[in-house]
């Protein structure tokens, strides 16, 4: 997922995607704790996707406040 893809989405869509990624991150942490995690790189990717979504949401909020 790239920031350009996220810029085209509405804030509601971004929030929904953020919730699903946070659930996935929780499940990945749980799997890591019980030694069932196979793809450890997915944890990093999910964390970065969450950061990207939060950044885009903050940019959209700042842009709305400026207008």
PDB file of N, CA and C in Angstrom:
ATOM      1  N   UNK A   1       0.852  -1.173   0.000  1.00  0.00           N
ATOM      2  CA  UNK A   1       0.000   0.000   0.000  1.00  0.00           C
ATOM      3  C   UNK A   1       0.897   1.236   0.000  1.00  0.00           C
ATOM      4  N   UNK A   2       0.556   2.164  -0.885  1.00  0.00           N
ATOM      5  CA  UNK A   2       1.353   3.377  -0.977  1.00  0.00           C
ATOM      6  C   UNK A   2       0.544   4.567  -0.486  1.00  0.00           C
ATOM      7  N   UNK A   3       1.233   5.640  -0.196  1.00  0.00           N
ATOM      8  CA  UNK A   3       0.556   6.849   0.273  1.00  0.00           C
ATOM      9  C   UNK A   3      -0.342   7.417  -0.820  1.00  0.00           C
ATOM     10  N   UNK A   4       0.049   7.252  -2.075  1.00  0.00           N
ATOM     11  CA  UNK A   4      -0.778   7.755  -3.180  1.00  0.00           C
ATOM     12  C   UNK A   4      -2.130   7.042  -3.216  1.00  0.00           C
ATOM     13  N   UNK A   5      -2.124   5.746  -2.946  1.00  0.00           N
ATOM     14  CA  UNK A   5      -3.377   4.990  -2.905  1.00  0.00           C
ATOM     15  C   UNK A   5      -4.264   5.504  -1.777  1.00  0.00           C
ATOM     16  N   UNK A   6      -3.652   5.846  -0.662  1.00  0.00           N
ATOM     17  CA  UNK A   6      -4.410   6.284   0.505  1.00  0.00           C
ATOM     18  C   UNK A   6      -4.984   7.678   0.325  1.00  0.00           C
ATOM     19  N   UNK A   7      -4.295   8.525  -0.424  1.00  0.00           N
ATOM     20  CA  UNK A   7      -4.766   9.896  -0.615  1.00  0.00           C
ATOM     21  C   UNK A   7      -6.097   9.942  -1.356  1.00  0.00           C
ATOM     22  N   UNK A   8      -6.376   8.933  -2.166  1.00  0.00           N
ATOM     23  CA  UNK A   8      -7.614   8.901  -2.925  1.00  0.00           C
ATOM     24  C   UNK A   8      -8.809   8.409  -2.135  1.00  0.00           C
ATOM     25  N   UNK A   9      -8.593   7.965  -0.914  1.00  0.00           N
ATOM     26  CA  UNK A   9      -9.681   7.420  -0.097  1.00  0.00           C
ATOM     27  C   UNK A   9     -10.245   8.488   0.836  1.00  0.00           C
ATOM     28  N   UNK A  10     -11.481   8.263   1.255  1.00  0.00           N
ATOM     29  CA  UNK A  10     -12.117   9.184   2.189  1.00  0.00           C
ATOM     30  C   UNK A  10     -11.618   8.888   3.602  1.00  0.00           C
ATOM     31  N   UNK A  11     -11.758   9.855   4.507  1.00  0.00           N
ATOM     32  CA  UNK A  11     -11.334   9.603   5.892  1.00  0.00           C
ATOM     33  C   UNK A  11     -12.061   8.413   6.535  1.00  0.00           C
ATOM     34  N   UNK A  12     -13.327   8.212   6.181  1.00  0.00           N
ATOM     35  CA  UNK A  12     -14.045   7.063   6.742  1.00  0.00           C
ATOM     36  C   UNK A  12     -13.450   5.744   6.267  1.00  0.00           C
ATOM     37  N   UNK A  13     -13.113   5.677   4.988  1.00  0.00           N
ATOM     38  CA  UNK A  13     -12.486   4.467   4.461  1.00  0.00           C
ATOM     39  C   UNK A  13     -11.138   4.222   5.128  1.00  0.00           C
ATOM     40  N   UNK A  14     -10.399   5.300   5.356  1.00  0.00           N
ATOM     41  CA  UNK A  14      -9.087   5.171   5.998  1.00  0.00           C
ATOM     42  C   UNK A  14      -9.236   4.675   7.435  1.00  0.00           C
ATOM     43  N   UNK A  15     -10.235   5.189   8.136  1.00  0.00           N
ATOM     44  CA  UNK A  15     -10.445   4.746   9.525  1.00  0.00           C
ATOM     45  C   UNK A  15     -10.825   3.268   9.579  1.00  0.00           C
ATOM     46  N   UNK A  16     -11.656   2.830   8.642  1.00  0.00           N
ATOM     47  CA  UNK A  16     -12.031   1.412   8.589  1.00  0.00           C
ATOM     48  C   UNK A  16     -10.806   0.543   8.341  1.00  0.00           C
ATOM     49  N   UNK A  17      -9.973   0.980   7.413  1.00  0.00           N
ATOM     50  CA  UNK A  17      -8.762   0.230   7.104  1.00  0.00           C
ATOM     51  C   UNK A  17      -7.810   0.233   8.297  1.00  0.00           C
ATOM     52  N   UNK A  18      -7.764   1.336   9.020  1.00  0.00           N
ATOM     53  CA  UNK A  18      -6.920   1.429  10.204  1.00  0.00           C
ATOM     54  C   UNK A  18      -7.361   0.438  11.272  1.00  0.00           C
ATOM     55  N   UNK A  19      -8.667   0.334  11.472  1.00  0.00           N
ATOM     56  CA  UNK A  19      -9.195  -0.609  12.460  1.00  0.00           C
ATOM     57  C   UNK A  19      -8.833  -2.041  12.081  1.00  0.00           C
ATOM     58  N   UNK A  20      -8.992  -2.379  10.806  1.00  0.00           N
ATOM     59  CA  UNK A  20      -8.684  -3.750  10.388  1.00  0.00           C
ATOM     60  C   UNK A  20      -7.188  -4.045  10.519  1.00  0.00           C
ATOM     61  N   UNK A  21      -6.344  -3.062  10.223  1.00  0.00           N
ATOM     62  CA  UNK A  21      -4.903  -3.277  10.371  1.00  0.00           C
ATOM     63  C   UNK A  21      -4.508  -3.423  11.838  1.00  0.00           C
ATOM     64  N   UNK A  22      -5.160  -2.659  12.709  1.00  0.00           N
ATOM     65  CA  UNK A  22      -4.848  -2.786  14.136  1.00  0.00           C
ATOM     66  C   UNK A  22      -5.270  -4.158  14.660  1.00  0.00           C
ATOM     67  N   UNK A  23      -6.380  -4.680  14.168  1.00  0.00           N
ATOM     68  CA  UNK A  23      -6.792  -6.039  14.550  1.00  0.00           C
ATOM     69  C   UNK A  23      -5.778  -7.054  14.061  1.00  0.00           C
ATOM     70  N   UNK A  24      -5.320  -6.865  12.824  1.00  0.00           N
ATOM     71  CA  UNK A  24      -4.318  -7.779  12.277  1.00  0.00           C
ATOM     72  C   UNK A  24      -3.028  -7.706  13.088  1.00  0.00           C
ATOM     73  N   UNK A  25      -2.621  -6.498  13.477  1.00  0.00           N
ATOM     74  CA  UNK A  25      -1.406  -6.341  14.277  1.00  0.00           C
ATOM     75  C   UNK A  25      -1.548  -7.052  15.619  1.00  0.00           C
ATOM     76  N   UNK A  26      -2.727  -6.951  16.221  1.00  0.00           N
ATOM     77  CA  UNK A  26      -2.965  -7.642  17.486  1.00  0.00           C
ATOM     78  C   UNK A  26      -2.821  -9.150  17.298  1.00  0.00           C
ATOM     79  N   UNK A  27      -3.443  -9.673  16.243  1.00  0.00           N
ATOM     80  CA  UNK A  27      -3.360 -11.111  15.987  1.00  0.00           C
ATOM     81  C   UNK A  27      -1.929 -11.550  15.713  1.00  0.00           C
ATOM     82  N   UNK A  28      -1.180 -10.727  14.995  1.00  0.00           N
ATOM     83  CA  UNK A  28       0.215 -11.065  14.717  1.00  0.00           C
ATOM     84  C   UNK A  28       1.043 -11.070  15.997  1.00  0.00           C
ATOM     85  N   UNK A  29       0.799 -10.102  16.875  1.00  0.00           N
ATOM     86  CA  UNK A  29       1.524 -10.082  18.159  1.00  0.00           C
ATOM     87  C   UNK A  29       1.187 -11.322  18.974  1.00  0.00           C
ATOM     88  N   UNK A  30      -0.066 -11.713  18.944  1.00  0.00           N
ATOM     89  CA  UNK A  30      -0.492 -12.898  19.691  1.00  0.00           C
ATOM     90  C   UNK A  30       0.188 -14.145  19.128  1.00  0.00           C
ATOM     91  N   UNK A  31       0.242 -14.242  17.799  1.00  0.00           N
ATOM     92  CA  UNK A  31       0.906 -15.384  17.175  1.00  0.00           C
ATOM     93  C   UNK A  31       2.399 -15.396  17.502  1.00  0.00           C
ATOM     94  N   UNK A  32       3.010 -14.229  17.536  1.00  0.00           N
ATOM     95  CA  UNK A  32       4.439 -14.152  17.851  1.00  0.00           C
ATOM     96  C   UNK A  32       4.698 -14.608  19.286  1.00  0.00           C
ATOM     97  N   UNK A  33       3.792 -14.250  20.181  1.00  0.00           N
ATOM     98  CA  UNK A  33       3.965 -14.618  21.586  1.00  0.00           C
ATOM     99  C   UNK A  33       3.822 -16.117  21.792  1.00  0.00           C
ATOM    100  N   UNK A  34       3.026 -16.765  20.964  1.00  0.00           N
ATOM    101  CA  UNK A  34       2.814 -18.203  21.110  1.00  0.00           C
ATOM    102  C   UNK A  34       3.652 -19.011  20.125  1.00  0.00           C
ATOM    103  N   UNK A  35       4.607 -18.346  19.493  1.00  0.00           N
ATOM    104  CA  UNK A  35       5.514 -18.979  18.526  1.00  0.00           C
ATOM    105  C   UNK A  35       4.784 -19.644  17.365  1.00  0.00           C
ATOM    106  N   UNK A  36       3.705 -19.055  16.904  1.00  0.00           N
ATOM    107  CA  UNK A  36       2.973 -19.576  15.758  1.00  0.00           C
ATOM    108  C   UNK A  36       3.122 -18.684  14.531  1.00  0.00           C
ATOM    109  N   UNK A  37       3.867 -17.611  14.656  1.00  0.00           N
ATOM    110  CA  UNK A  37       4.009 -16.649  13.562  1.00  0.00           C
ATOM    111  C   UNK A  37       4.992 -17.182  12.532  1.00  0.00           C
ATOM    112  N   UNK A  38       4.534 -17.274  11.278  1.00  0.00           N
ATOM    113  CA  UNK A  38       5.397 -17.782  10.212  1.00  0.00           C
ATOM    114  C   UNK A  38       6.065 -16.645   9.440  1.00  0.00           C
ATOM    115  N   UNK A  39       5.302 -15.589   9.128  1.00  0.00           N
ATOM    116  CA  UNK A  39       5.838 -14.484   8.340  1.00  0.00           C
ATOM    117  C   UNK A  39       6.095 -13.295   9.268  1.00  0.00           C
ATOM    118  N   UNK A  40       7.305 -13.216   9.792  1.00  0.00           N
ATOM    119  CA  UNK A  40       7.623 -12.154  10.746  1.00  0.00           C
ATOM    120  C   UNK A  40       7.688 -10.786  10.081  1.00  0.00           C
ATOM    121  N   UNK A  41       7.949 -10.741   8.793  1.00  0.00           N
ATOM    122  CA  UNK A  41       8.031  -9.462   8.084  1.00  0.00           C
ATOM    123  C   UNK A  41       6.665  -8.790   7.999  1.00  0.00           C
ATOM    124  N   UNK A  42       5.604  -9.570   8.128  1.00  0.00           N
ATOM    125  CA  UNK A  42       4.257  -8.990   8.039  1.00  0.00           C
ATOM    126  C   UNK A  42       4.006  -8.019   9.194  1.00  0.00           C
ATOM    127  N   UNK A  43       4.580  -8.275  10.355  1.00  0.00           N
ATOM    128  CA  UNK A  43       4.412  -7.370  11.500  1.00  0.00           C
ATOM    129  C   UNK A  43       4.933  -5.979  11.158  1.00  0.00           C
ATOM    130  N   UNK A  44       6.090  -5.932  10.547  1.00  0.00           N
ATOM    131  CA  UNK A  44       6.691  -4.654  10.175  1.00  0.00           C
ATOM    132  C   UNK A  44       5.853  -3.945   9.118  1.00  0.00           C
ATOM    133  N   UNK A  45       5.370  -4.700   8.140  1.00  0.00           N
ATOM    134  CA  UNK A  45       4.568  -4.117   7.066  1.00  0.00           C
ATOM    135  C   UNK A  45       3.264  -3.537   7.615  1.00  0.00           C
ATOM    136  N   UNK A  46       2.629  -4.246   8.530  1.00  0.00           N
ATOM    137  CA  UNK A  46       1.378  -3.768   9.113  1.00  0.00           C
ATOM    138  C   UNK A  46       1.628  -2.504   9.926  1.00  0.00           C
ATOM    139  N   UNK A  47       2.703  -2.497  10.696  1.00  0.00           N
ATOM    140  CA  UNK A  47       3.037  -1.328  11.504  1.00  0.00           C
ATOM    141  C   UNK A  47       3.262  -0.098  10.623  1.00  0.00           C
ATOM    142  N   UNK A  48       3.941  -0.295   9.513  1.00  0.00           N
ATOM    143  CA  UNK A  48       4.212   0.822   8.599  1.00  0.00           C
ATOM    144  C   UNK A  48       2.942   1.283   7.887  1.00  0.00           C
ATOM    145  N   UNK A  49       2.063   0.332   7.554  1.00  0.00           N
ATOM    146  CA  UNK A  49       0.791   0.705   6.921  1.00  0.00           C
ATOM    147  C   UNK A  49      -0.058   1.527   7.882  1.00  0.00           C
ATOM    148  N   UNK A  50      -0.058   1.151   9.152  1.00  0.00           N
ATOM    149  CA  UNK A  50      -0.800   1.917  10.155  1.00  0.00           C
ATOM    150  C   UNK A  50      -0.241   3.335  10.229  1.00  0.00           C
ATOM    151  N   UNK A  51       1.062   3.463  10.228  1.00  0.00           N
ATOM    152  CA  UNK A  51       1.691   4.787  10.286  1.00  0.00           C
ATOM    153  C   UNK A  51       1.333   5.616   9.056  1.00  0.00           C
ATOM    154  N   UNK A  52       1.330   4.971   7.882  1.00  0.00           N
ATOM    155  CA  UNK A  52       0.968   5.682   6.652  1.00  0.00           C
ATOM    156  C   UNK A  52      -0.454   6.205   6.720  1.00  0.00           C
ATOM    157  N   UNK A  53      -1.367   5.367   7.182  1.00  0.00           N
ATOM    158  CA  UNK A  53      -2.771   5.774   7.260  1.00  0.00           C
ATOM    159  C   UNK A  53      -2.934   6.921   8.248  1.00  0.00           C
ATOM    160  N   UNK A  54      -2.276   6.832   9.389  1.00  0.00           N
ATOM    161  CA  UNK A  54      -2.369   7.906  10.376  1.00  0.00           C
ATOM    162  C   UNK A  54      -1.817   9.213   9.814  1.00  0.00           C
ATOM    163  N   UNK A  55      -0.722   9.127   9.071  1.00  0.00           N
ATOM    164  CA  UNK A  55      -0.126  10.319   8.473  1.00  0.00           C
ATOM    165  C   UNK A  55      -1.083  10.963   7.481  1.00  0.00           C
ATOM    166  N   UNK A  56      -1.700  10.152   6.623  1.00  0.00           N
ATOM    167  CA  UNK A  56      -2.623  10.685   5.625  1.00  0.00           C
ATOM    168  C   UNK A  56      -3.853  11.276   6.311  1.00  0.00           C
ATOM    169  N   UNK A  57      -4.337  10.619   7.357  1.00  0.00           N
ATOM    170  CA  UNK A  57      -5.494  11.171   8.092  1.00  0.00           C
ATOM    171  C   UNK A  57      -5.154  12.523   8.718  1.00  0.00           C
ATOM    172  N   UNK A  58      -3.957  12.642   9.273  1.00  0.00           N
ATOM    173  CA  UNK A  58      -3.538  13.906   9.866  1.00  0.00           C
ATOM    174  C   UNK A  58      -3.382  14.992   8.801  1.00  0.00           C
ATOM    175  N   UNK A  59      -2.862  14.610   7.646  1.00  0.00           N
ATOM    176  CA  UNK A  59      -2.730  15.588   6.555  1.00  0.00           C
ATOM    177  C   UNK A  59      -4.084  16.077   6.090  1.00  0.00           C
ATOM    178  N   UNK A  60      -5.035  15.142   5.958  1.00  0.00           N
ATOM    179  CA  UNK A  60      -6.381  15.527   5.525  1.00  0.00           C
ATOM    180  C   UNK A  60      -7.059  16.416   6.561  1.00  0.00           C
ATOM    181  N   UNK A  61      -6.841  16.120   7.855  1.00  0.00           N
ATOM    182  CA  UNK A  61      -7.435  16.946   8.919  1.00  0.00           C
ATOM    183  C   UNK A  61      -6.835  18.346   8.910  1.00  0.00           C
ATOM    184  N   UNK A  62      -5.529  18.445   8.723  1.00  0.00           N
ATOM    185  CA  UNK A  62      -4.873  19.760   8.675  1.00  0.00           C
ATOM    186  C   UNK A  62      -5.335  20.542   7.463  1.00  0.00           C
ATOM    187  N   UNK A  63      -5.518  19.855   6.360  1.00  0.00           N
ATOM    188  CA  UNK A  63      -5.975  20.508   5.151  1.00  0.00           C
ATOM    189  C   UNK A  63      -7.408  21.024   5.316  1.00  0.00           C
ATOM    190  N   UNK A  64      -8.251  20.241   5.988  1.00  0.00           N
ATOM    191  CA  UNK A  64      -9.636  20.651   6.225  1.00  0.00           C
ATOM    192  C   UNK A  64      -9.682  21.838   7.184  1.00  0.00           C
ATOM    193  N   UNK A  65      -8.790  21.848   8.165  1.00  0.00           N
ATOM    194  CA  UNK A  65      -8.764  22.951   9.131  1.00  0.00           C
ATOM    195  C   UNK A  65      -8.270  24.245   8.488  1.00  0.00           C
ATOM    196  N   UNK A  66      -7.395  24.107   7.513  1.00  0.00           N
ATOM    197  CA  UNK A  66      -6.850  25.281   6.842  1.00  0.00           C
ATOM    198  C   UNK A  66      -7.883  25.947   5.920  1.00  0.00           C
ATOM    199  N   UNK A  67      -8.821  25.145   5.439  1.00  0.00           N
ATOM    200  CA  UNK A  67      -9.815  25.697   4.506  1.00  0.00           C
ATOM    201  C   UNK A  67     -10.953  26.318   5.207  1.00  0.00           C
TER     202      UNK A  67
END
